[in-house]
Amino acid sequence: QVARNLDESQQLGLSGKRQMVTILFTDIRGFTAFCEEKDPVVVVDLLNQYMGCMVSIIHKYHGHVNKFIGDGILAVFCDDDLRGQPGTHPGDHATRATNCAIEMVTTPDDFKTGAGLHSGPVVIGNVGSAEKMEFTVLGDTVNLASRLESMNKEQKSKLLMSESTRELLDDQIEVKCLGSVAIRGKTLPMKIYTAAILIETTREKIDREH
Protein backbone atom coordinates (compact mmCIF):
# COMPACT_ATOMS: atom_id res chain seq x y z
CA GLN A 1 0.00 0.00 0.00
CA VAL A 2 2.88 2.37 0.74
CA ALA A 3 4.40 1.57 -2.66
CA ARG A 4 1.03 2.10 -4.36
CA ASN A 5 0.65 5.52 -2.73
CA LEU A 6 4.09 6.52 -3.94
CA ASP A 7 3.31 5.30 -7.45
CA GLU A 8 0.03 7.20 -7.63
CA SER A 9 1.03 10.49 -6.02
CA GLN A 10 4.84 10.53 -6.34
CA GLN A 11 4.97 11.45 -2.65
CA LEU A 12 4.36 9.90 0.72
CA GLY A 13 1.96 11.86 2.90
CA LEU A 14 0.36 11.52 6.30
CA SER A 15 -3.04 10.05 5.56
CA GLY A 16 -5.28 7.13 6.44
CA LYS A 17 -8.42 5.23 5.56
CA ARG A 18 -11.00 3.23 7.47
CA GLN A 19 -11.20 -0.49 6.74
CA MET A 20 -12.65 -3.74 8.13
CA VAL A 21 -9.87 -6.19 9.03
CA THR A 22 -8.90 -8.98 11.37
CA ILE A 23 -5.99 -8.16 13.68
CA LEU A 24 -3.65 -10.92 14.89
CA PHE A 25 -1.40 -10.35 17.88
CA THR A 26 1.13 -13.00 18.89
CA ASP A 27 3.58 -13.15 21.76
CA ILE A 28 6.13 -15.60 23.13
CA ARG A 29 5.18 -17.21 26.42
CA GLY A 30 7.86 -16.90 29.11
CA PHE A 31 10.24 -14.90 26.94
CA THR A 32 11.53 -12.68 29.77
CA ALA A 33 12.50 -15.71 31.89
CA PHE A 34 14.09 -17.33 28.84
CA CYS A 35 16.27 -14.26 28.25
CA GLU A 36 17.58 -14.28 31.81
CA GLU A 37 19.12 -17.72 31.30
CA LYS A 38 20.75 -17.19 27.90
CA ASP A 39 23.53 -15.16 26.32
CA PRO A 40 22.04 -12.13 24.47
CA VAL A 41 23.69 -13.21 21.21
CA VAL A 42 22.00 -16.59 21.47
CA VAL A 43 18.66 -14.98 22.29
CA VAL A 44 18.79 -12.69 19.24
CA ASP A 45 19.78 -15.56 16.95
CA LEU A 46 16.95 -17.78 18.19
CA LEU A 47 14.46 -14.91 18.06
CA ASN A 48 15.38 -14.11 14.46
CA GLN A 49 14.91 -17.75 13.47
CA TYR A 50 11.55 -17.79 15.24
CA MET A 51 10.40 -14.52 13.61
CA GLY A 52 11.43 -15.80 10.18
CA CYS A 53 9.30 -18.91 10.66
CA MET A 54 6.28 -16.96 11.97
CA VAL A 55 6.43 -14.36 9.20
CA SER A 56 6.48 -17.07 6.54
CA ILE A 57 3.29 -18.53 8.05
CA ILE A 58 1.60 -15.11 8.04
CA HIS A 59 2.52 -14.60 4.39
CA LYS A 60 1.22 -18.08 3.59
CA TYR A 61 -2.25 -16.91 4.64
CA HIS A 62 -1.87 -13.56 2.84
CA GLY A 63 -1.51 -11.50 6.00
CA HIS A 64 0.59 -8.34 6.38
CA VAL A 65 3.19 -8.09 9.15
CA ASN A 66 2.72 -4.55 10.41
CA LYS A 67 5.37 -4.50 13.12
CA PHE A 68 7.42 -6.42 15.66
CA ILE A 69 6.82 -5.34 19.24
CA GLY A 70 9.65 -6.85 21.25
CA ASP A 71 9.01 -10.57 20.97
CA GLY A 72 5.48 -10.00 19.66
CA ILE A 73 4.03 -9.63 16.17
CA LEU A 74 1.17 -7.45 14.96
CA ALA A 75 -0.31 -8.74 11.69
CA VAL A 76 -3.24 -7.46 9.63
CA PHE A 77 -5.56 -9.55 7.48
CA CYS A 78 -7.75 -7.69 5.01
CA ASP A 79 -9.17 -7.95 1.51
CA ASP A 80 -6.58 -5.73 -0.15
CA ASP A 81 -4.06 -7.13 -2.64
CA LEU A 82 -5.54 -10.65 -2.81
CA ARG A 83 -5.66 -10.38 -6.60
CA GLY A 84 -7.39 -13.73 -7.03
CA GLN A 85 -4.93 -15.63 -4.83
CA PRO A 86 -5.85 -19.35 -4.72
CA GLY A 87 -7.99 -20.28 -1.72
CA THR A 88 -9.01 -16.71 -0.92
CA HIS A 89 -12.16 -14.67 -1.44
CA PRO A 90 -13.41 -11.23 -0.33
CA GLY A 91 -14.44 -11.18 3.32
CA ASP A 92 -12.43 -14.24 4.37
CA HIS A 93 -9.86 -12.29 6.40
CA ALA A 94 -11.07 -13.74 9.72
CA THR A 95 -10.82 -17.31 8.43
CA ARG A 96 -7.34 -16.75 7.04
CA ALA A 97 -6.20 -15.09 10.26
CA THR A 98 -7.57 -17.91 12.41
CA ASN A 99 -5.98 -20.65 10.31
CA CYS A 100 -2.74 -18.69 10.44
CA ALA A 101 -2.92 -18.34 14.23
CA ILE A 102 -3.62 -22.05 14.68
CA GLU A 103 -0.55 -22.95 12.63
CA MET A 104 1.61 -20.42 14.46
CA VAL A 105 0.73 -21.66 17.94
CA THR A 106 1.12 -25.34 16.99
CA THR A 107 4.39 -25.10 15.03
CA PRO A 108 7.16 -26.91 16.98
CA ASP A 109 9.74 -24.41 18.24
CA ASP A 110 11.90 -23.55 21.23
CA PHE A 111 9.39 -20.78 21.95
CA LYS A 112 5.70 -21.22 22.83
CA THR A 113 3.38 -18.81 21.03
CA GLY A 114 0.13 -17.24 22.20
CA ALA A 115 -2.29 -15.48 19.83
CA GLY A 116 -5.20 -13.04 20.02
CA LEU A 117 -7.69 -12.27 17.23
CA HIS A 118 -10.30 -9.57 16.83
CA SER A 119 -12.17 -8.35 13.74
CA GLY A 120 -13.48 -4.83 13.26
CA PRO A 121 -12.82 -1.38 11.82
CA VAL A 122 -9.37 0.19 11.96
CA VAL A 123 -7.69 3.25 10.53
CA ILE A 124 -4.81 2.25 8.25
CA GLY A 125 -2.32 4.86 7.16
CA ASN A 126 0.86 6.84 7.65
CA VAL A 127 1.30 8.32 11.12
CA GLY A 128 4.06 10.56 12.37
CA SER A 129 5.86 13.56 10.92
CA ALA A 130 7.78 14.53 7.82
CA GLU A 131 11.00 13.45 9.55
CA LYS A 132 9.69 10.08 10.68
CA MET A 133 6.50 8.28 9.75
CA GLU A 134 5.16 4.79 10.16
CA PHE A 135 2.56 2.86 8.17
CA THR A 136 0.36 1.32 10.86
CA VAL A 137 -3.13 0.39 12.05
CA LEU A 138 -4.98 2.25 14.80
CA GLY A 139 -8.17 1.81 16.76
CA ASP A 140 -9.99 -0.16 19.41
CA THR A 141 -9.85 -3.29 17.23
CA VAL A 142 -6.07 -3.36 17.59
CA ASN A 143 -6.20 -2.77 21.35
CA LEU A 144 -8.73 -5.55 21.90
CA ALA A 145 -6.72 -8.09 19.90
CA SER A 146 -3.71 -7.27 22.07
CA ARG A 147 -5.71 -7.68 25.29
CA LEU A 148 -7.11 -11.02 24.14
CA GLU A 149 -3.60 -12.28 23.45
CA SER A 150 -2.46 -11.27 26.94
CA MET A 151 -5.35 -13.26 28.49
CA ASN A 152 -4.05 -16.61 27.22
CA LYS A 153 -2.00 -17.13 30.38
CA GLU A 154 -4.94 -16.85 32.77
CA GLN A 155 -7.20 -18.85 30.44
CA LYS A 156 -4.49 -21.53 30.00
CA SER A 157 -5.03 -21.28 26.25
CA LYS A 158 -2.93 -20.75 23.14
CA LEU A 159 -5.40 -18.74 21.08
CA LEU A 160 -8.27 -16.45 22.00
CA MET A 161 -10.68 -14.72 19.64
CA SER A 162 -13.61 -12.35 20.00
CA GLU A 163 -17.19 -13.02 19.00
CA SER A 164 -16.87 -10.65 16.05
CA THR A 165 -14.10 -12.85 14.64
CA ARG A 166 -16.06 -16.04 15.34
CA GLU A 167 -19.08 -14.69 13.46
CA LEU A 168 -16.98 -14.23 10.30
CA LEU A 169 -15.47 -17.72 10.24
CA ASP A 170 -16.49 -20.33 7.70
CA ASP A 171 -18.04 -23.63 8.80
CA GLN A 172 -14.75 -25.54 8.54
CA ILE A 173 -13.33 -23.95 11.70
CA GLU A 174 -14.95 -25.27 14.87
CA VAL A 175 -14.67 -23.06 17.93
CA LYS A 176 -15.42 -23.44 21.62
CA CYS A 177 -16.74 -20.70 23.87
CA LEU A 178 -14.66 -20.22 27.03
CA GLY A 179 -17.27 -18.02 28.68
CA SER A 180 -17.61 -14.29 29.23
CA VAL A 181 -14.80 -12.24 30.73
CA ALA A 182 -14.25 -8.65 31.76
CA ILE A 183 -11.87 -6.83 29.45
CA ARG A 184 -10.18 -3.57 30.36
CA GLY A 185 -11.83 -0.67 28.57
CA LYS A 186 -15.12 -2.50 27.97
CA THR A 187 -18.26 -1.84 29.99
CA LEU A 188 -19.80 -5.30 29.57
CA PRO A 189 -18.16 -8.73 29.74
CA MET A 190 -17.28 -10.22 26.36
CA LYS A 191 -17.51 -13.79 25.14
CA ILE A 192 -14.17 -15.31 24.18
CA TYR A 193 -13.54 -18.34 22.00
CA THR A 194 -10.73 -20.66 21.02
CA ALA A 195 -10.27 -23.14 18.21
CA ALA A 196 -11.69 -26.55 19.11
CA ILE A 197 -8.69 -28.32 17.57
CA LEU A 198 -6.41 -26.68 20.13
CA ILE A 199 -8.50 -27.99 23.02
CA GLU A 200 -8.40 -31.48 21.54
CA THR A 201 -4.62 -31.25 21.09
CA THR A 202 -4.19 -30.24 24.74
CA ARG A 203 -6.35 -33.14 25.94
CA GLU A 204 -4.37 -35.60 23.82
CA LYS A 205 -1.14 -34.31 25.35
CA ILE A 206 -2.50 -34.71 28.90
CA ASP A 207 -3.64 -38.26 28.11
CA ARG A 208 -0.18 -39.18 26.82
CA GLU A 209 1.52 -37.75 29.93
CA HIS A 210 -0.73 -39.81 32.22
C-alpha atoms as a PDB file:
ATOM      1  CA  GLN A   1       0.000   0.000   0.000  1.00  0.00           C
ATOM      2  CA  VAL A   2       2.882   2.371   0.736  1.00  0.00           C
ATOM      3  CA  ALA A   3       4.396   1.571  -2.665  1.00  0.00           C
ATOM      4  CA  ARG A   4       1.030   2.098  -4.358  1.00  0.00           C
ATOM      5  CA  ASN A   5       0.649   5.523  -2.726  1.00  0.00           C
ATOM      6  CA  LEU A   6       4.088   6.517  -3.941  1.00  0.00           C
ATOM      7  CA  ASP A   7       3.309   5.297  -7.449  1.00  0.00           C
ATOM      8  CA  GLU A   8       0.026   7.203  -7.627  1.00  0.00           C
ATOM      9  CA  SER A   9       1.027  10.495  -6.017  1.00  0.00           C
ATOM     10  CA  GLN A  10       4.844  10.531  -6.336  1.00  0.00           C
ATOM     11  CA  GLN A  11       4.969  11.446  -2.653  1.00  0.00           C
ATOM     12  CA  LEU A  12       4.364   9.903   0.719  1.00  0.00           C
ATOM     13  CA  GLY A  13       1.960  11.862   2.901  1.00  0.00           C
ATOM     14  CA  LEU A  14       0.364  11.524   6.298  1.00  0.00           C
ATOM     15  CA  SER A  15      -3.042  10.048   5.562  1.00  0.00           C
ATOM     16  CA  GLY A  16      -5.278   7.127   6.443  1.00  0.00           C
ATOM     17  CA  LYS A  17      -8.418   5.227   5.556  1.00  0.00           C
ATOM     18  CA  ARG A  18     -11.000   3.230   7.474  1.00  0.00           C
ATOM     19  CA  GLN A  19     -11.197  -0.492   6.741  1.00  0.00           C
ATOM     20  CA  MET A  20     -12.645  -3.741   8.133  1.00  0.00           C
ATOM     21  CA  VAL A  21      -9.866  -6.189   9.027  1.00  0.00           C
ATOM     22  CA  THR A  22      -8.898  -8.975  11.375  1.00  0.00           C
ATOM     23  CA  ILE A  23      -5.993  -8.164  13.681  1.00  0.00           C
ATOM     24  CA  LEU A  24      -3.653 -10.917  14.889  1.00  0.00           C
ATOM     25  CA  PHE A  25      -1.400 -10.354  17.882  1.00  0.00           C
ATOM     26  CA  THR A  26       1.131 -13.000  18.887  1.00  0.00           C
ATOM     27  CA  ASP A  27       3.582 -13.151  21.759  1.00  0.00           C
ATOM     28  CA  ILE A  28       6.133 -15.603  23.126  1.00  0.00           C
ATOM     29  CA  ARG A  29       5.183 -17.205  26.423  1.00  0.00           C
ATOM     30  CA  GLY A  30       7.857 -16.896  29.115  1.00  0.00           C
ATOM     31  CA  PHE A  31      10.237 -14.900  26.942  1.00  0.00           C
ATOM     32  CA  THR A  32      11.534 -12.681  29.769  1.00  0.00           C
ATOM     33  CA  ALA A  33      12.501 -15.711  31.885  1.00  0.00           C
ATOM     34  CA  PHE A  34      14.089 -17.331  28.838  1.00  0.00           C
ATOM     35  CA  CYS A  35      16.273 -14.261  28.247  1.00  0.00           C
ATOM     36  CA  GLU A  36      17.579 -14.281  31.811  1.00  0.00           C
ATOM     37  CA  GLU A  37      19.116 -17.721  31.303  1.00  0.00           C
ATOM     38  CA  LYS A  38      20.747 -17.186  27.898  1.00  0.00           C
ATOM     39  CA  ASP A  39      23.526 -15.160  26.323  1.00  0.00           C
ATOM     40  CA  PRO A  40      22.041 -12.131  24.470  1.00  0.00           C
ATOM     41  CA  VAL A  41      23.689 -13.207  21.208  1.00  0.00           C
ATOM     42  CA  VAL A  42      21.997 -16.594  21.466  1.00  0.00           C
ATOM     43  CA  VAL A  43      18.662 -14.978  22.286  1.00  0.00           C
ATOM     44  CA  VAL A  44      18.786 -12.692  19.236  1.00  0.00           C
ATOM     45  CA  ASP A  45      19.779 -15.559  16.947  1.00  0.00           C
ATOM     46  CA  LEU A  46      16.954 -17.784  18.187  1.00  0.00           C
ATOM     47  CA  LEU A  47      14.462 -14.913  18.060  1.00  0.00           C
ATOM     48  CA  ASN A  48      15.384 -14.108  14.456  1.00  0.00           C
ATOM     49  CA  GLN A  49      14.910 -17.750  13.473  1.00  0.00           C
ATOM     50  CA  TYR A  50      11.546 -17.793  15.236  1.00  0.00           C
ATOM     51  CA  MET A  51      10.396 -14.525  13.606  1.00  0.00           C
ATOM     52  CA  GLY A  52      11.428 -15.805  10.183  1.00  0.00           C
ATOM     53  CA  CYS A  53       9.296 -18.910  10.664  1.00  0.00           C
ATOM     54  CA  MET A  54       6.284 -16.959  11.966  1.00  0.00           C
ATOM     55  CA  VAL A  55       6.429 -14.360   9.196  1.00  0.00           C
ATOM     56  CA  SER A  56       6.476 -17.073   6.541  1.00  0.00           C
ATOM     57  CA  ILE A  57       3.286 -18.532   8.051  1.00  0.00           C
ATOM     58  CA  ILE A  58       1.602 -15.110   8.043  1.00  0.00           C
ATOM     59  CA  HIS A  59       2.518 -14.601   4.389  1.00  0.00           C
ATOM     60  CA  LYS A  60       1.217 -18.083   3.589  1.00  0.00           C
ATOM     61  CA  TYR A  61      -2.251 -16.913   4.639  1.00  0.00           C
ATOM     62  CA  HIS A  62      -1.870 -13.555   2.838  1.00  0.00           C
ATOM     63  CA  GLY A  63      -1.507 -11.496   6.001  1.00  0.00           C
ATOM     64  CA  HIS A  64       0.591  -8.340   6.377  1.00  0.00           C
ATOM     65  CA  VAL A  65       3.189  -8.095   9.149  1.00  0.00           C
ATOM     66  CA  ASN A  66       2.724  -4.554  10.408  1.00  0.00           C
ATOM     67  CA  LYS A  67       5.370  -4.497  13.122  1.00  0.00           C
ATOM     68  CA  PHE A  68       7.420  -6.419  15.658  1.00  0.00           C
ATOM     69  CA  ILE A  69       6.816  -5.343  19.243  1.00  0.00           C
ATOM     70  CA  GLY A  70       9.652  -6.855  21.255  1.00  0.00           C
ATOM     71  CA  ASP A  71       9.010 -10.573  20.969  1.00  0.00           C
ATOM     72  CA  GLY A  72       5.483  -9.996  19.660  1.00  0.00           C
ATOM     73  CA  ILE A  73       4.032  -9.631  16.174  1.00  0.00           C
ATOM     74  CA  LEU A  74       1.167  -7.451  14.956  1.00  0.00           C
ATOM     75  CA  ALA A  75      -0.309  -8.741  11.687  1.00  0.00           C
ATOM     76  CA  VAL A  76      -3.238  -7.459   9.633  1.00  0.00           C
ATOM     77  CA  PHE A  77      -5.563  -9.552   7.480  1.00  0.00           C
ATOM     78  CA  CYS A  78      -7.753  -7.695   5.009  1.00  0.00           C
ATOM     79  CA  ASP A  79      -9.174  -7.951   1.509  1.00  0.00           C
ATOM     80  CA  ASP A  80      -6.579  -5.732  -0.153  1.00  0.00           C
ATOM     81  CA  ASP A  81      -4.064  -7.131  -2.638  1.00  0.00           C
ATOM     82  CA  LEU A  82      -5.544 -10.646  -2.805  1.00  0.00           C
ATOM     83  CA  ARG A  83      -5.658 -10.381  -6.601  1.00  0.00           C
ATOM     84  CA  GLY A  84      -7.386 -13.733  -7.030  1.00  0.00           C
ATOM     85  CA  GLN A  85      -4.930 -15.633  -4.833  1.00  0.00           C
ATOM     86  CA  PRO A  86      -5.852 -19.349  -4.719  1.00  0.00           C
ATOM     87  CA  GLY A  87      -7.986 -20.281  -1.722  1.00  0.00           C
ATOM     88  CA  THR A  88      -9.009 -16.706  -0.923  1.00  0.00           C
ATOM     89  CA  HIS A  89     -12.165 -14.666  -1.441  1.00  0.00           C
ATOM     90  CA  PRO A  90     -13.413 -11.230  -0.325  1.00  0.00           C
ATOM     91  CA  GLY A  91     -14.442 -11.182   3.322  1.00  0.00           C
ATOM     92  CA  ASP A  92     -12.429 -14.240   4.373  1.00  0.00           C
ATOM     93  CA  HIS A  93      -9.858 -12.287   6.404  1.00  0.00           C
ATOM     94  CA  ALA A  94     -11.072 -13.742   9.724  1.00  0.00           C
ATOM     95  CA  THR A  95     -10.819 -17.311   8.425  1.00  0.00           C
ATOM     96  CA  ARG A  96      -7.340 -16.752   7.035  1.00  0.00           C
ATOM     97  CA  ALA A  97      -6.198 -15.088  10.255  1.00  0.00           C
ATOM     98  CA  THR A  98      -7.569 -17.914  12.412  1.00  0.00           C
ATOM     99  CA  ASN A  99      -5.978 -20.648  10.308  1.00  0.00           C
ATOM    100  CA  CYS A 100      -2.743 -18.687  10.444  1.00  0.00           C
ATOM    101  CA  ALA A 101      -2.919 -18.337  14.227  1.00  0.00           C
ATOM    102  CA  ILE A 102      -3.617 -22.050  14.678  1.00  0.00           C
ATOM    103  CA  GLU A 103      -0.552 -22.949  12.630  1.00  0.00           C
ATOM    104  CA  MET A 104       1.607 -20.418  14.461  1.00  0.00           C
ATOM    105  CA  VAL A 105       0.726 -21.664  17.944  1.00  0.00           C
ATOM    106  CA  THR A 106       1.122 -25.342  16.989  1.00  0.00           C
ATOM    107  CA  THR A 107       4.385 -25.096  15.028  1.00  0.00           C
ATOM    108  CA  PRO A 108       7.160 -26.908  16.979  1.00  0.00           C
ATOM    109  CA  ASP A 109       9.740 -24.413  18.242  1.00  0.00           C
ATOM    110  CA  ASP A 110      11.903 -23.545  21.232  1.00  0.00           C
ATOM    111  CA  PHE A 111       9.388 -20.784  21.953  1.00  0.00           C
ATOM    112  CA  LYS A 112       5.703 -21.217  22.829  1.00  0.00           C
ATOM    113  CA  THR A 113       3.385 -18.807  21.034  1.00  0.00           C
ATOM    114  CA  GLY A 114       0.131 -17.245  22.201  1.00  0.00           C
ATOM    115  CA  ALA A 115      -2.289 -15.476  19.831  1.00  0.00           C
ATOM    116  CA  GLY A 116      -5.202 -13.036  20.023  1.00  0.00           C
ATOM    117  CA  LEU A 117      -7.691 -12.275  17.232  1.00  0.00           C
ATOM    118  CA  HIS A 118     -10.303  -9.570  16.827  1.00  0.00           C
ATOM    119  CA  SER A 119     -12.173  -8.348  13.743  1.00  0.00           C
ATOM    120  CA  GLY A 120     -13.481  -4.832  13.257  1.00  0.00           C
ATOM    121  CA  PRO A 121     -12.824  -1.381  11.819  1.00  0.00           C
ATOM    122  CA  VAL A 122      -9.373   0.194  11.959  1.00  0.00           C
ATOM    123  CA  VAL A 123      -7.687   3.253  10.532  1.00  0.00           C
ATOM    124  CA  ILE A 124      -4.810   2.254   8.250  1.00  0.00           C
ATOM    125  CA  GLY A 125      -2.323   4.862   7.157  1.00  0.00           C
ATOM    126  CA  ASN A 126       0.860   6.845   7.652  1.00  0.00           C
ATOM    127  CA  VAL A 127       1.298   8.322  11.119  1.00  0.00           C
ATOM    128  CA  GLY A 128       4.062  10.564  12.365  1.00  0.00           C
ATOM    129  CA  SER A 129       5.862  13.559  10.918  1.00  0.00           C
ATOM    130  CA  ALA A 130       7.777  14.534   7.819  1.00  0.00           C
ATOM    131  CA  GLU A 131      11.004  13.449   9.553  1.00  0.00           C
ATOM    132  CA  LYS A 132       9.692  10.082  10.676  1.00  0.00           C
ATOM    133  CA  MET A 133       6.498   8.283   9.753  1.00  0.00           C
ATOM    134  CA  GLU A 134       5.155   4.789  10.162  1.00  0.00           C
ATOM    135  CA  PHE A 135       2.563   2.857   8.169  1.00  0.00           C
ATOM    136  CA  THR A 136       0.362   1.321  10.856  1.00  0.00           C
ATOM    137  CA  VAL A 137      -3.126   0.390  12.052  1.00  0.00           C
ATOM    138  CA  LEU A 138      -4.980   2.250  14.799  1.00  0.00           C
ATOM    139  CA  GLY A 139      -8.166   1.814  16.764  1.00  0.00           C
ATOM    140  CA  ASP A 140      -9.991  -0.161  19.415  1.00  0.00           C
ATOM    141  CA  THR A 141      -9.850  -3.287  17.231  1.00  0.00           C
ATOM    142  CA  VAL A 142      -6.066  -3.361  17.590  1.00  0.00           C
ATOM    143  CA  ASN A 143      -6.196  -2.775  21.346  1.00  0.00           C
ATOM    144  CA  LEU A 144      -8.727  -5.549  21.895  1.00  0.00           C
ATOM    145  CA  ALA A 145      -6.719  -8.091  19.900  1.00  0.00           C
ATOM    146  CA  SER A 146      -3.712  -7.274  22.069  1.00  0.00           C
ATOM    147  CA  ARG A 147      -5.705  -7.680  25.289  1.00  0.00           C
ATOM    148  CA  LEU A 148      -7.106 -11.016  24.142  1.00  0.00           C
ATOM    149  CA  GLU A 149      -3.597 -12.279  23.453  1.00  0.00           C
ATOM    150  CA  SER A 150      -2.461 -11.273  26.943  1.00  0.00           C
ATOM    151  CA  MET A 151      -5.349 -13.256  28.489  1.00  0.00           C
ATOM    152  CA  ASN A 152      -4.050 -16.609  27.222  1.00  0.00           C
ATOM    153  CA  LYS A 153      -2.003 -17.127  30.381  1.00  0.00           C
ATOM    154  CA  GLU A 154      -4.944 -16.851  32.770  1.00  0.00           C
ATOM    155  CA  GLN A 155      -7.201 -18.855  30.437  1.00  0.00           C
ATOM    156  CA  LYS A 156      -4.492 -21.525  29.996  1.00  0.00           C
ATOM    157  CA  SER A 157      -5.034 -21.282  26.250  1.00  0.00           C
ATOM    158  CA  LYS A 158      -2.927 -20.750  23.145  1.00  0.00           C
ATOM    159  CA  LEU A 159      -5.401 -18.743  21.081  1.00  0.00           C
ATOM    160  CA  LEU A 160      -8.269 -16.454  21.999  1.00  0.00           C
ATOM    161  CA  MET A 161     -10.684 -14.725  19.637  1.00  0.00           C
ATOM    162  CA  SER A 162     -13.606 -12.348  19.995  1.00  0.00           C
ATOM    163  CA  GLU A 163     -17.187 -13.024  19.000  1.00  0.00           C
ATOM    164  CA  SER A 164     -16.867 -10.646  16.050  1.00  0.00           C
ATOM    165  CA  THR A 165     -14.104 -12.853  14.640  1.00  0.00           C
ATOM    166  CA  ARG A 166     -16.056 -16.040  15.344  1.00  0.00           C
ATOM    167  CA  GLU A 167     -19.082 -14.693  13.456  1.00  0.00           C
ATOM    168  CA  LEU A 168     -16.984 -14.226  10.303  1.00  0.00           C
ATOM    169  CA  LEU A 169     -15.472 -17.723  10.244  1.00  0.00           C
ATOM    170  CA  ASP A 170     -16.494 -20.332   7.703  1.00  0.00           C
ATOM    171  CA  ASP A 171     -18.035 -23.627   8.796  1.00  0.00           C
ATOM    172  CA  GLN A 172     -14.750 -25.544   8.538  1.00  0.00           C
ATOM    173  CA  ILE A 173     -13.332 -23.952  11.695  1.00  0.00           C
ATOM    174  CA  GLU A 174     -14.947 -25.268  14.870  1.00  0.00           C
ATOM    175  CA  VAL A 175     -14.670 -23.057  17.925  1.00  0.00           C
ATOM    176  CA  LYS A 176     -15.418 -23.436  21.618  1.00  0.00           C
ATOM    177  CA  CYS A 177     -16.736 -20.698  23.871  1.00  0.00           C
ATOM    178  CA  LEU A 178     -14.656 -20.225  27.034  1.00  0.00           C
ATOM    179  CA  GLY A 179     -17.266 -18.018  28.679  1.00  0.00           C
ATOM    180  CA  SER A 180     -17.606 -14.289  29.228  1.00  0.00           C
ATOM    181  CA  VAL A 181     -14.796 -12.243  30.729  1.00  0.00           C
ATOM    182  CA  ALA A 182     -14.253  -8.651  31.757  1.00  0.00           C
ATOM    183  CA  ILE A 183     -11.866  -6.828  29.449  1.00  0.00           C
ATOM    184  CA  ARG A 184     -10.179  -3.574  30.356  1.00  0.00           C
ATOM    185  CA  GLY A 185     -11.826  -0.666  28.570  1.00  0.00           C
ATOM    186  CA  LYS A 186     -15.116  -2.499  27.965  1.00  0.00           C
ATOM    187  CA  THR A 187     -18.260  -1.842  29.992  1.00  0.00           C
ATOM    188  CA  LEU A 188     -19.795  -5.300  29.575  1.00  0.00           C
ATOM    189  CA  PRO A 189     -18.157  -8.733  29.738  1.00  0.00           C
ATOM    190  CA  MET A 190     -17.278 -10.217  26.356  1.00  0.00           C
ATOM    191  CA  LYS A 191     -17.505 -13.794  25.143  1.00  0.00           C
ATOM    192  CA  ILE A 192     -14.174 -15.307  24.185  1.00  0.00           C
ATOM    193  CA  TYR A 193     -13.536 -18.340  21.999  1.00  0.00           C
ATOM    194  CA  THR A 194     -10.728 -20.656  21.020  1.00  0.00           C
ATOM    195  CA  ALA A 195     -10.268 -23.139  18.210  1.00  0.00           C
ATOM    196  CA  ALA A 196     -11.685 -26.553  19.113  1.00  0.00           C
ATOM    197  CA  ILE A 197      -8.694 -28.320  17.573  1.00  0.00           C
ATOM    198  CA  LEU A 198      -6.410 -26.676  20.131  1.00  0.00           C
ATOM    199  CA  ILE A 199      -8.503 -27.993  23.023  1.00  0.00           C
ATOM    200  CA  GLU A 200      -8.398 -31.480  21.545  1.00  0.00           C
ATOM    201  CA  THR A 201      -4.625 -31.253  21.093  1.00  0.00           C
ATOM    202  CA  THR A 202      -4.188 -30.238  24.737  1.00  0.00           C
ATOM    203  CA  ARG A 203      -6.355 -33.138  25.942  1.00  0.00           C
ATOM    204  CA  GLU A 204      -4.367 -35.598  23.823  1.00  0.00           C
ATOM    205  CA  LYS A 205      -1.139 -34.309  25.355  1.00  0.00           C
ATOM    206  CA  ILE A 206      -2.503 -34.709  28.900  1.00  0.00           C
ATOM    207  CA  ASP A 207      -3.639 -38.261  28.108  1.00  0.00           C
ATOM    208  CA  ARG A 208      -0.179 -39.180  26.824  1.00  0.00           C
ATOM    209  CA  GLU A 209       1.517 -37.752  29.927  1.00  0.00           C
ATOM    210  CA  HIS A 210      -0.735 -39.805  32.216  1.00  0.00           C
END
